[in-house]
Protein backbone atom coordinates (compact mmCIF):
# COMPACT_ATOMS: atom_id res chain seq x y z
CA MET A 1 119.88 127.91 83.43
CA THR A 2 119.45 127.12 87.12
CA THR A 3 119.24 123.41 87.91
CA PRO A 4 115.66 122.53 88.99
CA LEU A 5 115.05 121.32 92.51
CA LEU A 6 113.24 118.25 91.14
CA SER A 7 113.30 117.14 87.52
CA ILE A 8 110.95 114.38 86.37
CA LYS A 9 111.70 112.68 83.05
CA GLY A 10 109.44 110.12 81.39
CA LEU A 11 107.92 108.61 84.54
CA THR A 12 105.62 105.71 83.70
CA LYS A 13 103.63 103.49 86.04
CA ALA A 14 101.11 100.86 84.93
CA TYR A 15 98.74 98.65 86.88
CA PRO A 16 96.67 95.76 85.47
CA GLY A 17 94.29 97.29 82.94
CA VAL A 18 95.37 100.91 83.38
CA VAL A 19 98.40 103.14 82.79
CA ALA A 20 98.38 105.54 85.74
CA ASN A 21 101.28 107.67 84.47
CA ASP A 22 102.44 107.65 80.86
CA ASP A 23 105.83 109.25 80.08
CA VAL A 24 105.28 112.23 82.43
CA SER A 25 107.96 114.95 82.47
CA PHE A 26 108.15 118.34 84.20
CA ASP A 27 110.39 120.36 86.52
CA ILE A 28 109.84 121.99 89.89
CA GLY A 29 112.09 124.98 90.44
CA HIS A 30 113.58 126.41 93.60
CA ASN A 31 111.39 128.84 95.56
CA GLU A 32 108.36 127.83 93.48
CA VAL A 33 104.75 126.89 94.18
CA HIS A 34 103.92 124.40 91.43
CA ALA A 35 100.37 123.17 90.90
CA LEU A 36 99.57 119.63 89.74
CA LEU A 37 96.14 119.60 88.11
CA GLY A 38 93.97 116.88 86.63
CA GLU A 39 90.55 115.30 86.84
CA ASN A 40 89.92 112.20 88.95
CA GLY A 41 91.96 109.30 87.64
CA ALA A 42 94.41 111.58 85.80
CA GLY A 43 97.39 110.12 87.69
CA LYS A 44 98.16 112.82 90.26
CA SER A 45 98.17 110.50 93.28
CA THR A 46 100.40 107.91 91.62
CA LEU A 47 102.86 110.60 90.57
CA VAL A 48 103.28 112.12 94.03
CA LYS A 49 103.54 108.64 95.54
CA MET A 50 106.53 108.00 93.26
CA ILE A 51 108.12 111.28 94.39
CA TYR A 52 107.49 110.36 98.04
CA GLY A 53 108.81 106.81 97.72
CA LEU A 54 105.51 105.00 98.18
CA VAL A 55 105.44 103.66 94.60
CA LYS A 56 108.30 102.58 92.33
CA PRO A 57 108.06 103.75 88.70
CA ASP A 58 108.22 101.20 85.88
CA SER A 59 110.42 103.52 83.84
CA GLY A 60 111.71 107.08 83.77
CA THR A 61 114.02 109.00 86.07
CA MET A 62 114.02 111.76 88.65
CA THR A 63 116.85 114.06 89.66
CA TRP A 64 117.14 116.12 92.85
CA ASN A 65 119.36 119.19 92.46
CA GLY A 66 120.90 117.46 89.45
CA GLN A 67 121.60 114.20 91.30
CA PRO A 68 119.77 110.88 90.69
CA PHE A 69 116.70 110.58 92.92
CA ALA A 70 114.87 107.28 93.38
CA PRO A 71 113.53 106.98 96.96
CA SER A 72 112.76 103.37 97.87
CA GLU A 73 110.50 104.39 100.76
CA PRO A 74 109.10 107.58 102.37
CA LYS A 75 111.94 107.55 104.90
CA ALA A 76 114.43 108.01 102.05
CA ALA A 77 112.34 110.78 100.48
CA ARG A 78 112.13 112.60 103.81
CA ALA A 79 115.91 112.26 104.26
CA SER A 80 116.36 114.04 100.93
CA GLY A 81 114.05 116.87 101.95
CA VAL A 82 110.60 115.83 100.70
CA ALA A 83 107.60 116.15 103.05
CA MET A 84 103.95 115.46 102.30
CA VAL A 85 100.63 116.58 103.78
CA PHE A 86 98.04 114.03 102.71
CA GLN A 87 94.41 114.84 101.89
CA HIS A 88 93.13 112.56 104.64
CA PHE A 89 94.61 113.11 108.08
CA SER A 90 96.75 110.36 109.59
CA LEU A 91 96.27 111.32 113.24
CA PHE A 92 95.27 109.44 116.39
CA ASP A 93 92.39 111.19 118.17
CA ALA A 94 93.27 109.87 121.62
CA LEU A 95 96.87 111.15 121.53
CA SER A 96 98.17 114.67 122.06
CA VAL A 97 99.49 116.93 119.31
CA ALA A 98 103.08 116.29 120.42
CA GLU A 99 102.57 112.52 120.56
CA ASN A 100 101.13 112.52 117.03
CA VAL A 101 104.05 114.58 115.76
CA ALA A 102 106.53 112.24 117.45
CA LEU A 103 105.04 109.23 115.65
CA GLY A 104 106.04 110.77 112.33
CA MET A 105 109.68 111.37 113.32
CA GLU A 106 112.60 109.00 112.85
CA ASN A 107 114.32 110.00 116.12
CA PRO A 108 111.92 112.10 118.19
CA PRO A 109 113.37 114.20 121.01
CA SER A 110 111.95 114.25 124.51
CA MET A 111 108.33 115.36 124.78
CA ARG A 112 109.41 118.56 126.55
CA ASP A 113 111.86 119.51 123.78
CA LEU A 114 109.39 118.50 121.07
CA ALA A 115 106.63 120.60 122.63
CA ARG A 116 108.99 123.58 122.70
CA ARG A 117 109.86 123.09 119.02
CA ILE A 118 106.20 122.72 118.05
CA ARG A 119 105.33 126.00 119.79
CA ARG A 120 108.25 127.84 118.20
CA VAL A 121 107.63 126.61 114.64
CA SER A 122 103.85 127.03 114.86
CA GLU A 123 104.21 130.64 116.07
CA THR A 124 106.90 131.42 113.48
CA TYR A 125 104.62 130.37 110.62
CA GLY A 126 101.39 131.81 111.97
CA LEU A 127 99.84 128.43 112.81
CA PRO A 128 99.48 128.56 116.63
CA LEU A 129 99.13 125.11 118.16
CA ASP A 130 99.13 123.79 121.73
CA PRO A 131 101.29 120.62 121.74
CA ASN A 132 99.51 119.26 124.83
CA ARG A 133 95.97 119.31 123.44
CA THR A 134 94.28 116.03 122.55
CA VAL A 135 93.84 115.76 118.78
CA GLY A 136 90.26 114.51 119.18
CA ASP A 137 89.36 117.90 120.66
CA LEU A 138 90.79 119.89 117.73
CA SER A 139 88.86 121.43 114.87
CA ALA A 140 89.59 120.22 111.35
CA GLY A 141 91.62 123.35 110.68
CA GLU A 142 93.74 122.73 113.78
CA ARG A 143 94.29 119.11 112.71
CA GLN A 144 95.52 120.41 109.37
CA ARG A 145 98.02 122.52 111.33
CA VAL A 146 99.30 119.39 113.10
CA GLU A 147 100.00 117.74 109.74
CA ILE A 148 101.75 120.85 108.42
CA ILE A 149 103.83 121.43 111.56
CA ARG A 150 104.87 117.77 111.52
CA CYS A 151 106.23 118.37 108.00
CA LEU A 152 107.84 121.72 108.81
CA LEU A 153 109.82 120.17 111.66
CA GLN A 154 111.59 118.14 108.96
CA ASP A 155 112.88 121.39 107.38
CA PRO A 156 111.68 120.26 103.93
CA LYS A 157 112.99 121.54 100.62
CA LEU A 158 109.86 120.29 98.82
CA LEU A 159 106.47 120.23 100.53
CA ILE A 160 103.73 118.24 98.76
CA MET A 161 100.19 119.29 99.70
CA ASP A 162 97.10 117.33 98.58
CA GLU A 163 93.80 119.27 98.79
CA PRO A 164 95.02 121.24 101.85
CA THR A 165 92.13 123.74 102.02
CA SER A 166 89.19 121.34 101.81
CA VAL A 167 88.52 121.58 105.56
CA LEU A 168 89.38 125.24 106.15
CA THR A 169 87.31 128.39 106.58
CA PRO A 170 88.08 131.34 104.25
CA GLN A 171 90.02 133.02 107.04
CA GLU A 172 92.07 129.84 107.65
CA VAL A 173 92.81 129.61 103.91
CA ASP A 174 94.23 133.14 104.04
CA ILE A 175 96.46 132.15 106.98
CA LEU A 176 97.63 129.00 105.17
CA PHE A 177 98.53 130.98 102.05
CA GLN A 178 100.53 133.44 104.16
CA THR A 179 102.40 130.48 105.64
CA LEU A 180 103.10 128.95 102.23
CA ASN A 181 104.34 132.24 100.82
CA LYS A 182 106.64 132.62 103.83
CA LEU A 183 108.01 129.11 103.23
CA LYS A 184 108.53 129.93 99.56
CA ALA A 185 110.42 133.11 100.47
CA GLU A 186 112.66 131.07 102.78
CA GLY A 187 113.56 128.60 100.02
CA THR A 188 110.99 125.81 100.25
CA SER A 189 109.29 124.71 97.03
CA ILE A 190 105.70 123.46 97.15
CA LEU A 191 103.88 120.96 94.93
CA TYR A 192 100.23 121.87 95.36
CA ILE A 193 97.27 119.67 94.38
CA SER A 194 93.79 121.16 94.50
CA HIS A 195 90.51 121.16 92.58
CA LYS A 196 89.92 124.77 93.70
CA LEU A 197 91.20 126.55 90.63
CA GLU A 198 90.80 130.11 91.90
CA GLU A 199 93.13 129.15 94.76
CA ILE A 200 95.60 127.84 92.20
CA ARG A 201 95.43 131.17 90.36
CA THR A 202 96.09 133.08 93.60
CA LEU A 203 98.91 130.95 95.00
CA CYS A 204 100.80 129.04 92.31
CA ASP A 205 103.61 130.18 89.99
CA HIS A 206 103.29 127.38 87.46
CA ALA A 207 100.92 124.47 86.80
CA THR A 208 101.29 121.09 85.12
CA ILE A 209 98.09 119.50 83.80
CA LEU A 210 97.62 115.72 83.65
CA ARG A 211 94.92 113.96 81.65
CA LEU A 212 94.56 110.17 81.50
CA GLY A 213 98.07 109.80 82.90
CA LYS A 214 99.77 112.10 80.38
CA ASN A 215 101.20 115.60 80.74
CA VAL A 216 98.95 117.55 78.37
CA GLY A 217 100.23 121.04 79.05
CA GLU A 218 101.53 123.68 81.43
CA CYS A 219 100.42 127.21 82.22
CA VAL A 220 100.97 130.22 84.44
CA PRO A 221 97.82 130.16 86.62
CA ALA A 222 97.73 133.93 87.23
CA GLN A 223 97.51 134.41 83.46
CA THR A 224 94.98 131.60 82.85
CA SER A 225 91.30 131.59 83.76
CA ALA A 226 89.87 128.88 85.99
CA ARG A 227 87.62 127.79 83.12
CA ASP A 228 90.57 127.45 80.75
CA MET A 229 92.47 125.33 83.27
CA ALA A 230 89.42 123.14 83.85
CA GLU A 231 88.97 122.62 80.12
CA MET A 232 92.65 121.69 79.77
CA MET A 233 92.07 119.09 82.48
CA VAL A 234 89.04 117.47 80.85
CA GLY A 235 89.91 118.11 77.19
CA ASP A 236 86.46 119.47 76.45
CA THR A 237 84.20 122.46 77.00
CA LEU A 238 83.16 122.78 80.64
CA GLN A 239 79.42 122.91 81.20
CA THR A 240 78.29 125.45 83.82
CA PRO A 241 75.37 124.29 86.02
CA THR A 242 72.12 126.10 85.26
CA ARG A 243 69.03 126.42 87.40
CA THR A 244 65.41 127.31 87.01
CA THR A 245 63.98 130.17 89.05
CA GLU A 246 60.67 128.63 90.04
CA LYS A 247 59.20 129.58 93.41
CA ALA A 248 59.69 127.08 96.24
CA GLY A 249 56.64 125.09 97.29
CA ASP A 250 55.36 123.98 100.69
CA VAL A 251 57.59 122.99 103.59
CA VAL A 252 58.69 119.37 103.16
CA LEU A 253 61.40 119.02 105.84
CA ASP A 254 60.84 120.64 109.23
CA VAL A 255 63.59 120.37 111.86
CA SER A 256 62.68 121.83 115.24
CA GLY A 257 64.69 121.77 118.46
CA LEU A 258 66.97 118.96 117.23
CA THR A 259 69.40 117.99 119.97
CA LEU A 260 71.56 114.88 119.69
CA GLU A 261 74.52 113.41 121.53
CA PRO A 262 77.29 112.03 119.27
CA SER A 263 77.78 108.29 118.87
CA ASN A 264 81.56 108.53 119.39
CA PRO A 265 83.55 110.27 122.14
CA PHE A 266 85.11 112.78 119.74
CA GLY A 267 81.88 113.70 117.98
CA THR A 268 79.90 116.92 118.33
CA THR A 269 76.61 117.36 120.18
CA LEU A 270 73.84 118.95 118.10
CA LYS A 271 72.25 121.75 120.10
CA ASN A 272 68.67 122.92 119.51
CA ILE A 273 68.80 123.11 115.71
CA HIS A 274 65.90 124.63 113.76
CA PHE A 275 65.38 124.93 109.99
CA THR A 276 62.91 124.13 107.23
CA VAL A 277 63.36 123.17 103.59
CA ARG A 278 60.62 123.64 101.00
CA ALA A 279 59.86 121.64 97.88
CA GLY A 280 62.15 122.77 95.07
CA GLU A 281 64.64 124.38 97.47
CA ILE A 282 68.29 123.68 98.24
CA LEU A 283 69.50 124.56 101.74
CA GLY A 284 73.27 124.83 101.90
CA ILE A 285 74.95 124.16 105.24
CA GLY A 286 78.57 125.22 105.63
CA GLY A 287 81.04 124.85 108.43
CA VAL A 288 84.50 123.57 109.21
CA ALA A 289 84.64 119.77 109.46
CA GLY A 290 83.92 118.39 112.92
CA ASN A 291 81.23 120.87 113.91
CA GLY A 292 78.29 118.47 113.75
CA GLN A 293 77.96 117.68 110.04
CA ASP A 294 78.14 113.89 110.44
CA GLU A 295 75.74 113.99 113.39
CA LEU A 296 73.23 116.10 111.43
CA LEU A 297 73.26 113.68 108.50
CA ALA A 298 72.83 110.73 110.88
CA ALA A 299 69.82 112.42 112.50
CA LEU A 300 68.19 113.25 109.16
CA SER A 301 68.89 109.85 107.57
CA GLY A 302 67.57 107.84 110.54
CA GLU A 303 70.91 106.35 111.56
CA ALA A 304 70.49 108.19 114.85
CA LEU A 305 67.02 108.46 116.39
CA THR A 306 65.90 111.70 118.03
CA TRP A 307 63.17 113.08 120.28
CA PRO A 308 59.60 113.04 118.93
CA ASP A 309 58.66 115.92 116.62
CA ALA A 310 62.29 116.98 116.14
CA ILE A 311 62.13 115.98 112.46
CA LYS A 312 58.99 116.06 110.33
CA VAL A 313 58.57 115.32 106.64
CA ASN A 314 55.36 116.54 105.00
CA GLY A 315 53.96 116.99 108.51
CA LYS A 316 54.71 113.40 109.57
CA ASP A 317 56.92 112.82 112.61
CA VAL A 318 59.82 110.63 111.45
CA ALA A 319 62.13 111.10 114.43
CA ASN A 320 61.74 107.48 115.57
CA LEU A 321 62.01 105.89 112.11
CA GLY A 322 65.19 104.12 110.98
CA PRO A 323 66.88 104.48 107.57
CA ASN A 324 64.79 101.90 105.69
CA ALA A 325 61.50 103.32 106.93
CA ARG A 326 62.64 106.80 105.93
CA ARG A 327 63.74 105.59 102.48
CA ASP A 328 60.25 104.20 102.02
CA LEU A 329 58.96 107.75 102.62
CA GLY A 330 61.45 109.20 100.14
CA ILE A 331 64.08 110.46 102.60
CA LEU A 332 67.49 109.53 101.17
CA ALA A 333 71.03 110.41 102.19
CA ALA A 334 74.59 110.26 100.90
CA PRO A 335 77.19 110.49 103.71
CA GLU A 336 80.65 112.00 103.43
CA GLU A 337 82.65 108.80 103.97
CA ARG A 338 82.49 106.96 100.65
CA LEU A 339 84.09 103.65 101.57
CA GLY A 340 82.58 101.91 104.56
CA HIS A 341 79.60 104.23 105.02
CA ALA A 342 78.15 105.18 101.63
CA ALA A 343 79.47 102.03 99.96
CA ALA A 344 80.71 98.62 101.07
CA PRO A 345 84.30 98.41 99.75
CA ASP A 346 84.39 94.72 98.82
CA LEU A 347 80.91 94.49 97.33
CA SER A 348 80.32 95.00 93.61
CA LEU A 349 78.63 98.09 92.23
CA THR A 350 75.53 95.99 91.62
CA GLU A 351 75.46 94.90 95.26
CA ASN A 352 76.07 98.47 96.40
CA ALA A 353 73.17 99.63 94.24
CA LEU A 354 70.99 97.14 96.12
CA LEU A 355 72.02 98.42 99.56
CA THR A 356 69.98 101.62 99.41
CA GLY A 357 67.90 101.02 96.27
CA ALA A 358 66.10 97.84 97.29
CA ILE A 359 63.01 99.57 98.64
CA ARG A 360 62.32 102.42 96.23
CA GLU A 361 63.51 100.57 93.13
CA GLY A 362 61.67 97.34 94.02
CA LEU A 363 64.82 95.26 93.74
CA SER A 364 63.65 92.49 96.06
CA ASN A 365 60.40 90.63 96.68
CA LYS A 366 59.64 88.61 99.82
CA GLY A 367 63.32 88.40 100.64
CA PHE A 368 64.49 87.36 97.18
CA VAL A 369 66.72 89.75 95.22
CA ASN A 370 65.94 90.41 91.58
CA TRP A 371 69.56 90.50 90.45
CA SER A 372 68.90 91.29 86.82
CA LYS A 373 66.83 94.33 87.80
CA THR A 374 69.51 95.33 90.32
CA ALA A 375 72.21 95.09 87.65
CA GLU A 376 70.09 97.26 85.36
CA PHE A 377 69.81 99.88 88.11
CA ALA A 378 73.60 99.81 88.62
CA ASP A 379 74.14 100.18 84.86
CA LYS A 380 71.74 103.13 84.79
CA ILE A 381 73.77 104.89 87.51
CA ILE A 382 77.04 104.14 85.70
CA LYS A 383 75.73 105.47 82.40
CA GLN A 384 73.88 108.58 83.56
CA PHE A 385 76.62 109.70 85.98
CA ASP A 386 79.57 108.78 83.74
CA VAL A 387 81.14 106.41 86.29
CA ARG A 388 84.44 105.25 84.77
CA THR A 389 84.52 101.51 85.44
CA PRO A 390 84.83 98.28 83.41
CA GLY A 391 81.36 97.22 84.58
CA ASN A 392 78.88 96.71 87.41
CA HIS A 393 80.78 93.64 88.63
CA VAL A 394 83.71 95.78 89.84
CA ALA A 395 84.17 96.18 93.62
CA ALA A 396 83.55 99.65 95.03
CA ARG A 397 87.09 99.90 96.39
CA ALA A 398 88.50 99.52 92.84
CA LEU A 399 87.01 102.84 91.72
CA SER A 400 88.84 106.15 92.06
CA GLY A 401 87.44 108.40 94.78
CA GLY A 402 85.77 110.70 92.27
CA ASN A 403 84.13 107.88 90.33
CA LEU A 404 82.83 106.25 93.50
CA GLN A 405 81.44 109.62 94.56
CA LYS A 406 79.56 109.90 91.25
CA PHE A 407 78.13 106.40 91.78
CA VAL A 408 77.00 107.14 95.36
CA ILE A 409 75.32 110.43 94.45
CA GLY A 410 73.76 108.94 91.31
CA ARG A 411 72.36 106.01 93.26
CA GLU A 412 70.39 108.34 95.52
CA VAL A 413 69.39 110.92 92.90
CA LEU A 414 67.94 108.29 90.53
CA GLN A 415 65.61 107.03 93.27
CA ARG A 416 63.59 110.26 92.98
CA PRO A 417 63.78 111.31 96.65
CA GLU A 418 61.38 113.77 98.23
CA VAL A 419 64.14 114.76 100.66
CA LEU A 420 67.82 114.31 99.85
CA VAL A 421 70.59 115.01 102.36
CA VAL A 422 74.16 114.94 101.02
CA ASN A 423 77.40 115.59 102.87
CA GLN A 424 80.34 116.74 100.72
CA PRO A 425 78.73 115.86 97.36
CA THR A 426 81.81 116.77 95.29
CA TRP A 427 84.57 115.85 97.76
CA GLY A 428 87.76 115.19 95.78
CA VAL A 429 85.90 115.39 92.47
CA ASP A 430 87.31 117.18 89.41
CA ALA A 431 85.71 120.27 87.89
CA ALA A 432 83.71 118.49 85.19
CA ALA A 433 82.35 115.81 87.52
CA ALA A 434 81.57 118.43 90.18
CA ALA A 435 79.58 120.45 87.64
CA SER A 436 77.69 117.30 86.65
CA ILE A 437 76.82 116.43 90.26
CA ARG A 438 75.71 119.99 91.03
CA GLN A 439 73.53 120.01 87.92
CA ALA A 440 71.92 116.75 89.04
CA LEU A 441 71.09 118.31 92.41
CA LEU A 442 69.67 121.43 90.74
CA ASP A 443 67.56 119.29 88.41
CA LEU A 444 66.30 117.25 91.35
CA ALA A 445 65.26 120.43 93.16
CA ALA A 446 63.57 121.71 90.00
CA GLY A 447 61.51 118.52 90.08
CA GLY A 448 60.20 119.37 93.56
CA ALA A 449 62.64 117.65 95.93
CA ALA A 450 63.76 119.33 99.16
CA ILE A 451 67.56 119.13 99.33
CA VAL A 452 70.07 119.70 102.14
CA VAL A 453 73.66 120.06 100.94
CA ILE A 454 76.30 119.95 103.68
CA SER A 455 79.65 121.06 102.29
CA GLN A 456 82.95 122.72 103.14
CA ASP A 457 83.18 124.06 99.57
CA LEU A 458 81.75 127.56 99.85
CA ASP A 459 81.88 128.17 96.11
CA GLU A 460 79.72 125.10 95.66
CA LEU A 461 77.19 126.19 98.27
CA MET A 462 76.91 129.69 96.83
CA GLU A 463 76.45 128.26 93.33
CA ILE A 464 73.55 125.93 94.08
CA SER A 465 71.94 127.03 97.37
CA ASP A 466 68.78 129.08 97.78
CA ARG A 467 69.44 129.64 101.48
CA PHE A 468 72.53 129.19 103.63
CA GLY A 469 73.33 128.34 107.23
CA ALA A 470 76.48 127.30 109.06
CA LEU A 471 77.23 124.78 111.79
CA ASN A 472 79.57 125.76 114.60
CA GLU A 473 80.14 123.49 117.63
CA GLY A 474 76.83 121.78 116.95
CA ARG A 475 74.79 124.99 116.71
CA MET A 476 73.13 126.29 113.56
CA SER A 477 73.45 129.92 112.58
CA ASP A 478 70.48 131.91 111.37
CA ILE A 479 69.42 130.72 107.92
CA ARG A 480 69.86 133.48 105.33
CA PRO A 481 69.25 133.85 101.58
CA ALA A 482 72.41 132.74 99.78
CA ALA A 483 72.24 135.49 97.17
CA GLY A 484 74.33 138.47 98.22
CA LEU A 485 76.19 136.85 101.13
CA THR A 486 79.82 137.96 101.29
CA ILE A 487 82.81 135.80 102.22
CA ASP A 488 83.26 137.87 105.41
CA GLU A 489 79.64 137.25 106.43
CA ILE A 490 79.95 133.53 105.69
CA GLY A 491 83.18 133.35 107.67
CA LEU A 492 81.49 134.94 110.68
CA MET A 493 78.59 132.49 110.43
CA MET A 494 81.02 129.56 110.28
CA GLY A 495 82.92 130.98 113.23
CA GLY A 496 79.82 131.05 115.42
CA ALA A 497 78.79 134.71 115.10
CA HIS A 498 75.14 135.46 115.71
CA GLY A 499 72.71 136.96 113.25
CA MET A 500 73.06 140.58 114.38
CA GLU A 501 76.86 140.50 114.13
CA VAL A 502 76.70 139.14 110.58
CA ALA A 503 74.03 141.64 109.59
CA ASN A 504 76.18 144.49 110.93
CA VAL A 505 79.11 143.36 108.79
CA GLY A 506 76.84 143.33 105.73
CA ASP A 507 75.53 146.81 106.56
CA GLN A 508 79.06 148.17 107.01
CA GLN A 509 80.14 146.76 103.66
CA GLU A 510 77.12 148.22 101.90
CA GLY A 511 77.83 151.58 103.52
CA ALA A 512 81.47 151.44 102.46
CA GLY A 513 80.44 150.76 98.88
CA ALA A 514 77.81 153.52 98.77
């Protein structure tokens, strides 16, 4: 048999109180796209960090083309031919594309030569990129290209990709997959991590499934349903979110002519945005990251104040009210950035429950905190949203990303909001947890809340939204019923096409199918 490119035998890594990887073994072949699947906390991140030299295993071995492989640092891994595109970009907004690429190189050439190489490689792989552009001016999809090109300039034999499509439009996903298939054909193997199981079925040759740090099975994705893979990940039957079909009530949230300058120099200006959300309705807002999502949440939550009458809730002008005053009226929000925005990293879960729950849960009186009541609220969130943690005393930063996300969403949902605005509600969350969060949002809407879900996960938006709109360069598309929208129509909306253009595409498709 052919010697694998990378063979992993019995890798184990333990931290105080948890075994992140427990005797994990599998092979990655040459010219192969290999998926690494698992729910949050399954051990995927620790495993790829050991491959990339960021973490040293406690026991076990790796071989590279049959030779011992134990990188002591990322530099050693890169020298062997391993490159990695991380889930969160490591780019400097104020620097150019070429300058950012140079920072990731051991011995960068002159800027002129590097710019020439960036252009050549980006055009070869269908990822056009101007090396002189400032990164802060790039879309999220273009930033993803910078990360990929930086890796491709290393001529890798194994490319590790962690959630690479989370910030891409459907059209950009197609381009990325063409690039990855071209790399595979040229001899590069790819270790691909994603929670988007239909993408795994389309792209990957083999998949290894981790659960609680152990390798619990392998499969051929093209021959395995997304549901079956999800159930292998969680070890249980996957519950599909269900919704009631009650008619929406009166308008609760009315946004009219909302215009807002960003708070940072690389933000996006909101331009004359209009929409309404009724009681019992979920409005889904799509768009590539960096097109005004953070600014919209800030405007709706009260972190950024706007012109009078731009935002009304139940007919009341709230444009000049801050976050606490809006919470008192039942307007709650869960921002995209978990650590530092939605939660204070070094505070306990009890203290983080207090941060937004003090008003509606009555957790303080005349400046004095009722800590026992606050702890009970934190425990309620932990229990009802299945937050995996030793207890409410644990600091927020100690939780995995998915578990912290469940805590943040649960904290807002359990306060019975009249309006809830969430940005990326299932970011980096496994299939079972994502289904649980979506069900919680559907149940909240069924109870009469008006909900705005901002997300880059189109499958999520189509699953739970009643109506759909897209942000592009700070402008909102026409709002349309979510039922019946095609991927092509959604892609046009996300790309800034106007209502008539999108409608024409829909008409053409209906005519073609007649």
